[in-house]
């Protein structure tokens, strides 16, 4: 039987704890309304807040709402669909939505897509009557327009506000200082 130091189990437990803590740093803080377990998406969200005042305003609005937003990568989503939001459920004091984002190597484009979907989340946050898929459909029939072209058998909506938000976020990320935010994003995310 090999000899082990009595502290080895404690060191292993500490290493496991540190690894879990490091992974938690990539996801949004526990108090944040925007949550992800994907390290790349967490960095993109962080960069969006840091580099785009429009993106920051979306996050601020969601922070003061009852909406919890889960953001996931969607590498197998419908072709041509950059992002989508679905209503997950409601409980006393909280409503839950899920955003799925198609992966793109261009960080500025990816952040703009997340911003587009966060705008949809804000639209839901601003509509307390949205508590399920049916009420979500009624709200989007009121504030948006049908977008059945992507998936004909699935109820799908779009809003002009979300489209303009994505454009504004992208513009904020791709213009500016001597080293543009886009160049910084590309450097930080290993894109040429």
C-alpha atoms as a PDB file:
ATOM      1  CA  UNK A   1       0.000   0.000   0.000  1.00  0.00           C
ATOM      2  CA  UNK A   2       1.553   3.352  -1.019  1.00  0.00           C
ATOM      3  CA  UNK A   3       2.088   5.927   1.653  1.00  0.00           C
ATOM      4  CA  UNK A   4       0.094   9.149   1.367  1.00  0.00           C
ATOM      5  CA  UNK A   5       0.476  12.266   3.383  1.00  0.00           C
ATOM      6  CA  UNK A   6      -2.466  12.932   5.722  1.00  0.00           C
ATOM      7  CA  UNK A   7      -3.071  16.314   4.050  1.00  0.00           C
ATOM      8  CA  UNK A   8      -3.407  14.884   0.509  1.00  0.00           C
ATOM      9  CA  UNK A   9      -7.211  14.476   0.721  1.00  0.00           C
ATOM     10  CA  UNK A  10      -7.520  18.064   1.986  1.00  0.00           C
ATOM     11  CA  UNK A  11      -5.284  19.355  -0.814  1.00  0.00           C
ATOM     12  CA  UNK A  12      -7.325  17.471  -3.405  1.00  0.00           C
ATOM     13  CA  UNK A  13     -10.557  18.839  -1.925  1.00  0.00           C
ATOM     14  CA  UNK A  14      -9.075  22.357  -1.969  1.00  0.00           C
ATOM     15  CA  UNK A  15      -8.034  21.926  -5.615  1.00  0.00           C
ATOM     16  CA  UNK A  16     -11.552  20.774  -6.521  1.00  0.00           C
ATOM     17  CA  UNK A  17     -13.025  23.747  -4.643  1.00  0.00           C
ATOM     18  CA  UNK A  18     -10.673  26.199  -6.355  1.00  0.00           C
ATOM     19  CA  UNK A  19     -11.522  24.745  -9.749  1.00  0.00           C
ATOM     20  CA  UNK A  20     -15.254  25.100  -9.036  1.00  0.00           C
ATOM     21  CA  UNK A  21     -14.690  28.651  -7.784  1.00  0.00           C
ATOM     22  CA  UNK A  22     -12.738  29.557 -10.927  1.00  0.00           C
ATOM     23  CA  UNK A  23     -15.563  28.152 -13.063  1.00  0.00           C
ATOM     24  CA  UNK A  24     -18.047  30.237 -11.061  1.00  0.00           C
ATOM     25  CA  UNK A  25     -16.010  33.362 -11.909  1.00  0.00           C
ATOM     26  CA  UNK A  26     -16.790  32.739 -15.587  1.00  0.00           C
ATOM     27  CA  UNK A  27     -20.505  32.628 -14.985  1.00  0.00           C
ATOM     28  CA  UNK A  28     -22.425  35.638 -13.810  1.00  0.00           C
ATOM     29  CA  UNK A  29     -22.468  36.329 -10.094  1.00  0.00           C
ATOM     30  CA  UNK A  30     -25.192  34.695  -8.065  1.00  0.00           C
ATOM     31  CA  UNK A  31     -27.028  38.027  -7.750  1.00  0.00           C
ATOM     32  CA  UNK A  32     -26.810  38.751 -11.463  1.00  0.00           C
ATOM     33  CA  UNK A  33     -29.951  38.239 -13.514  1.00  0.00           C
ATOM     34  CA  UNK A  34     -27.845  37.025 -16.452  1.00  0.00           C
ATOM     35  CA  UNK A  35     -26.349  33.599 -15.932  1.00  0.00           C
ATOM     36  CA  UNK A  36     -24.246  31.254 -18.000  1.00  0.00           C
ATOM     37  CA  UNK A  37     -21.963  28.314 -17.409  1.00  0.00           C
ATOM     38  CA  UNK A  38     -20.181  28.843 -20.739  1.00  0.00           C
ATOM     39  CA  UNK A  39     -16.801  30.551 -20.162  1.00  0.00           C
ATOM     40  CA  UNK A  40     -16.700  32.141 -23.629  1.00  0.00           C
ATOM     41  CA  UNK A  41     -20.216  33.558 -23.332  1.00  0.00           C
ATOM     42  CA  UNK A  42     -19.441  34.880 -19.836  1.00  0.00           C
ATOM     43  CA  UNK A  43     -16.414  36.723 -21.231  1.00  0.00           C
ATOM     44  CA  UNK A  44     -18.449  38.097 -24.120  1.00  0.00           C
ATOM     45  CA  UNK A  45     -21.140  39.325 -21.708  1.00  0.00           C
ATOM     46  CA  UNK A  46     -18.465  40.907 -19.523  1.00  0.00           C
ATOM     47  CA  UNK A  47     -16.909  42.585 -22.578  1.00  0.00           C
ATOM     48  CA  UNK A  48     -20.331  43.775 -23.740  1.00  0.00           C
ATOM     49  CA  UNK A  49     -20.912  45.501 -20.400  1.00  0.00           C
ATOM     50  CA  UNK A  50     -17.403  46.965 -20.444  1.00  0.00           C
ATOM     51  CA  UNK A  51     -17.380  48.225 -24.039  1.00  0.00           C
ATOM     52  CA  UNK A  52     -20.990  49.115 -24.909  1.00  0.00           C
ATOM     53  CA  UNK A  53     -23.142  51.578 -22.987  1.00  0.00           C
ATOM     54  CA  UNK A  54     -26.232  50.126 -24.679  1.00  0.00           C
ATOM     55  CA  UNK A  55     -25.339  46.604 -23.540  1.00  0.00           C
ATOM     56  CA  UNK A  56     -24.632  47.947 -20.029  1.00  0.00           C
ATOM     57  CA  UNK A  57     -28.065  49.642 -19.950  1.00  0.00           C
ATOM     58  CA  UNK A  58     -29.756  46.325 -20.826  1.00  0.00           C
ATOM     59  CA  UNK A  59     -27.953  44.546 -18.005  1.00  0.00           C
ATOM     60  CA  UNK A  60     -28.792  47.383 -15.592  1.00  0.00           C
ATOM     61  CA  UNK A  61     -32.485  47.190 -16.513  1.00  0.00           C
ATOM     62  CA  UNK A  62     -32.551  43.430 -16.044  1.00  0.00           C
ATOM     63  CA  UNK A  63     -30.792  43.785 -12.683  1.00  0.00           C
ATOM     64  CA  UNK A  64     -33.790  45.754 -11.448  1.00  0.00           C
ATOM     65  CA  UNK A  65     -36.387  43.280 -12.681  1.00  0.00           C
ATOM     66  CA  UNK A  66     -37.797  39.915 -11.662  1.00  0.00           C
ATOM     67  CA  UNK A  67     -36.399  38.232 -14.771  1.00  0.00           C
ATOM     68  CA  UNK A  68     -33.614  35.637 -14.598  1.00  0.00           C
ATOM     69  CA  UNK A  69     -31.894  35.091 -17.955  1.00  0.00           C
ATOM     70  CA  UNK A  70     -29.922  31.940 -18.749  1.00  0.00           C
ATOM     71  CA  UNK A  71     -27.592  32.258 -21.749  1.00  0.00           C
ATOM     72  CA  UNK A  72     -26.361  29.123 -23.528  1.00  0.00           C
ATOM     73  CA  UNK A  73     -24.395  28.378 -26.670  1.00  0.00           C
ATOM     74  CA  UNK A  74     -26.528  26.799 -29.389  1.00  0.00           C
ATOM     75  CA  UNK A  75     -24.174  25.165 -31.898  1.00  0.00           C
ATOM     76  CA  UNK A  76     -26.942  22.888 -33.224  1.00  0.00           C
ATOM     77  CA  UNK A  77     -29.719  25.482 -33.516  1.00  0.00           C
ATOM     78  CA  UNK A  78     -31.684  26.096 -36.689  1.00  0.00           C
ATOM     79  CA  UNK A  79     -29.496  27.208 -39.578  1.00  0.00           C
ATOM     80  CA  UNK A  80     -29.615  30.970 -40.101  1.00  0.00           C
ATOM     81  CA  UNK A  81     -30.959  31.686 -36.619  1.00  0.00           C
ATOM     82  CA  UNK A  82     -28.359  33.679 -34.649  1.00  0.00           C
ATOM     83  CA  UNK A  83     -30.205  33.705 -31.348  1.00  0.00           C
ATOM     84  CA  UNK A  84     -33.512  32.896 -29.752  1.00  0.00           C
ATOM     85  CA  UNK A  85     -35.271  33.475 -26.480  1.00  0.00           C
ATOM     86  CA  UNK A  86     -37.784  31.109 -24.935  1.00  0.00           C
ATOM     87  CA  UNK A  87     -39.901  31.534 -21.846  1.00  0.00           C
ATOM     88  CA  UNK A  88     -38.993  28.886 -19.274  1.00  0.00           C
ATOM     89  CA  UNK A  89     -41.375  29.535 -16.406  1.00  0.00           C
ATOM     90  CA  UNK A  90     -42.529  31.686 -13.536  1.00  0.00           C
ATOM     91  CA  UNK A  91     -42.472  31.332  -9.779  1.00  0.00           C
ATOM     92  CA  UNK A  92     -43.437  33.763  -7.026  1.00  0.00           C
ATOM     93  CA  UNK A  93     -41.090  36.740  -7.410  1.00  0.00           C
ATOM     94  CA  UNK A  94     -39.205  35.478 -10.468  1.00  0.00           C
ATOM     95  CA  UNK A  95     -39.663  34.692 -14.143  1.00  0.00           C
ATOM     96  CA  UNK A  96     -37.167  32.708 -16.195  1.00  0.00           C
ATOM     97  CA  UNK A  97     -36.114  32.896 -19.837  1.00  0.00           C
ATOM     98  CA  UNK A  98     -33.457  31.087 -21.810  1.00  0.00           C
ATOM     99  CA  UNK A  99     -31.380  32.663 -24.536  1.00  0.00           C
ATOM    100  CA  UNK A 100     -29.556  30.413 -26.989  1.00  0.00           C
ATOM    101  CA  UNK A 101     -26.812  31.927 -29.133  1.00  0.00           C
ATOM    102  CA  UNK A 102     -25.259  30.486 -32.287  1.00  0.00           C
ATOM    103  CA  UNK A 103     -21.453  30.565 -32.035  1.00  0.00           C
ATOM    104  CA  UNK A 104     -19.498  33.003 -34.203  1.00  0.00           C
ATOM    105  CA  UNK A 105     -15.756  33.680 -34.127  1.00  0.00           C
ATOM    106  CA  UNK A 106     -16.352  37.443 -34.477  1.00  0.00           C
ATOM    107  CA  UNK A 107     -16.726  38.630 -30.873  1.00  0.00           C
ATOM    108  CA  UNK A 108     -18.335  41.964 -31.807  1.00  0.00           C
ATOM    109  CA  UNK A 109     -21.021  40.209 -33.843  1.00  0.00           C
ATOM    110  CA  UNK A 110     -21.590  37.672 -31.075  1.00  0.00           C
ATOM    111  CA  UNK A 111     -21.984  40.393 -28.419  1.00  0.00           C
ATOM    112  CA  UNK A 112     -24.409  42.280 -30.675  1.00  0.00           C
ATOM    113  CA  UNK A 113     -26.507  39.104 -31.008  1.00  0.00           C
ATOM    114  CA  UNK A 114     -26.512  38.668 -27.215  1.00  0.00           C
ATOM    115  CA  UNK A 115     -27.536  42.338 -26.928  1.00  0.00           C
ATOM    116  CA  UNK A 116     -30.402  41.716 -29.371  1.00  0.00           C
ATOM    117  CA  UNK A 117     -31.679  38.844 -27.239  1.00  0.00           C
ATOM    118  CA  UNK A 118     -31.173  40.800 -23.991  1.00  0.00           C
ATOM    119  CA  UNK A 119     -33.391  43.507 -25.509  1.00  0.00           C
ATOM    120  CA  UNK A 120     -36.094  40.850 -25.869  1.00  0.00           C
ATOM    121  CA  UNK A 121     -35.513  39.953 -22.214  1.00  0.00           C
ATOM    122  CA  UNK A 122     -36.014  43.619 -21.271  1.00  0.00           C
ATOM    123  CA  UNK A 123     -39.254  43.643 -23.282  1.00  0.00           C
ATOM    124  CA  UNK A 124     -40.439  40.728 -21.152  1.00  0.00           C
ATOM    125  CA  UNK A 125     -39.176  42.349 -17.941  1.00  0.00           C
ATOM    126  CA  UNK A 126     -41.259  45.416 -18.839  1.00  0.00           C
ATOM    127  CA  UNK A 127     -44.376  43.254 -19.263  1.00  0.00           C
ATOM    128  CA  UNK A 128     -45.278  41.713 -15.885  1.00  0.00           C
ATOM    129  CA  UNK A 129     -48.320  39.991 -17.436  1.00  0.00           C
ATOM    130  CA  UNK A 130     -45.968  37.648 -19.350  1.00  0.00           C
ATOM    131  CA  UNK A 131     -45.972  34.496 -17.215  1.00  0.00           C
ATOM    132  CA  UNK A 132     -46.076  31.695 -19.807  1.00  0.00           C
ATOM    133  CA  UNK A 133     -45.754  30.981 -23.533  1.00  0.00           C
ATOM    134  CA  UNK A 134     -49.326  32.057 -24.256  1.00  0.00           C
ATOM    135  CA  UNK A 135     -48.988  35.459 -22.577  1.00  0.00           C
ATOM    136  CA  UNK A 136     -45.568  35.859 -24.229  1.00  0.00           C
ATOM    137  CA  UNK A 137     -47.189  35.318 -27.645  1.00  0.00           C
ATOM    138  CA  UNK A 138     -49.891  37.901 -26.863  1.00  0.00           C
ATOM    139  CA  UNK A 139     -47.281  40.463 -25.782  1.00  0.00           C
ATOM    140  CA  UNK A 140     -45.173  39.974 -28.902  1.00  0.00           C
ATOM    141  CA  UNK A 141     -48.239  40.131 -31.133  1.00  0.00           C
ATOM    142  CA  UNK A 142     -48.822  43.541 -29.516  1.00  0.00           C
ATOM    143  CA  UNK A 143     -45.243  44.967 -29.585  1.00  0.00           C
ATOM    144  CA  UNK A 144     -43.643  43.085 -32.473  1.00  0.00           C
ATOM    145  CA  UNK A 145     -44.408  41.209 -35.630  1.00  0.00           C
ATOM    146  CA  UNK A 146     -44.555  37.582 -36.679  1.00  0.00           C
ATOM    147  CA  UNK A 147     -41.321  36.116 -37.957  1.00  0.00           C
ATOM    148  CA  UNK A 148     -42.462  32.654 -39.053  1.00  0.00           C
ATOM    149  CA  UNK A 149     -40.000  32.552 -41.945  1.00  0.00           C
ATOM    150  CA  UNK A 150     -37.325  30.893 -39.784  1.00  0.00           C
ATOM    151  CA  UNK A 151     -39.396  28.023 -38.501  1.00  0.00           C
ATOM    152  CA  UNK A 152     -42.868  27.890 -40.100  1.00  0.00           C
ATOM    153  CA  UNK A 153     -44.421  25.579 -37.495  1.00  0.00           C
ATOM    154  CA  UNK A 154     -43.092  27.535 -34.523  1.00  0.00           C
ATOM    155  CA  UNK A 155     -44.557  30.786 -33.254  1.00  0.00           C
ATOM    156  CA  UNK A 156     -41.758  33.316 -33.697  1.00  0.00           C
ATOM    157  CA  UNK A 157     -41.677  37.079 -33.248  1.00  0.00           C
ATOM    158  CA  UNK A 158     -39.304  39.975 -33.770  1.00  0.00           C
ATOM    159  CA  UNK A 159     -39.220  43.609 -32.667  1.00  0.00           C
ATOM    160  CA  UNK A 160     -37.722  46.646 -34.309  1.00  0.00           C
ATOM    161  CA  UNK A 161     -36.271  47.662 -30.927  1.00  0.00           C
ATOM    162  CA  UNK A 162     -34.213  44.444 -30.708  1.00  0.00           C
ATOM    163  CA  UNK A 163     -32.905  44.862 -34.252  1.00  0.00           C
ATOM    164  CA  UNK A 164     -31.879  48.460 -33.549  1.00  0.00           C
ATOM    165  CA  UNK A 165     -30.293  47.431 -30.252  1.00  0.00           C
ATOM    166  CA  UNK A 166     -28.054  44.872 -31.997  1.00  0.00           C
ATOM    167  CA  UNK A 167     -27.026  47.489 -34.559  1.00  0.00           C
ATOM    168  CA  UNK A 168     -26.232  50.028 -31.821  1.00  0.00           C
ATOM    169  CA  UNK A 169     -24.206  47.539 -29.759  1.00  0.00           C
ATOM    170  CA  UNK A 170     -22.241  46.474 -32.847  1.00  0.00           C
ATOM    171  CA  UNK A 171     -21.543  50.108 -33.746  1.00  0.00           C
ATOM    172  CA  UNK A 172     -20.358  50.872 -30.211  1.00  0.00           C
ATOM    173  CA  UNK A 173     -18.018  47.877 -30.322  1.00  0.00           C
ATOM    174  CA  UNK A 174     -16.535  48.628 -33.717  1.00  0.00           C
ATOM    175  CA  UNK A 175     -15.776  52.348 -33.511  1.00  0.00           C
ATOM    176  CA  UNK A 176     -13.761  54.426 -31.127  1.00  0.00           C
ATOM    177  CA  UNK A 177     -10.330  54.758 -29.615  1.00  0.00           C
ATOM    178  CA  UNK A 178      -6.825  54.260 -31.048  1.00  0.00           C
ATOM    179  CA  UNK A 179      -7.136  50.497 -30.503  1.00  0.00           C
ATOM    180  CA  UNK A 180     -10.729  49.943 -31.410  1.00  0.00           C
ATOM    181  CA  UNK A 181     -12.943  47.847 -29.168  1.00  0.00           C
ATOM    182  CA  UNK A 182     -13.307  45.431 -32.109  1.00  0.00           C
ATOM    183  CA  UNK A 183      -9.522  45.008 -32.384  1.00  0.00           C
ATOM    184  CA  UNK A 184      -9.337  44.500 -28.618  1.00  0.00           C
ATOM    185  CA  UNK A 185     -12.170  41.947 -28.738  1.00  0.00           C
ATOM    186  CA  UNK A 186     -10.505  40.080 -31.591  1.00  0.00           C
ATOM    187  CA  UNK A 187      -7.188  40.058 -29.724  1.00  0.00           C
ATOM    188  CA  UNK A 188      -8.807  38.955 -26.436  1.00  0.00           C
ATOM    189  CA  UNK A 189     -10.780  36.156 -28.116  1.00  0.00           C
ATOM    190  CA  UNK A 190      -7.989  34.930 -30.404  1.00  0.00           C
ATOM    191  CA  UNK A 191      -9.643  36.037 -33.652  1.00  0.00           C
ATOM    192  CA  UNK A 192      -7.627  37.535 -36.497  1.00  0.00           C
END
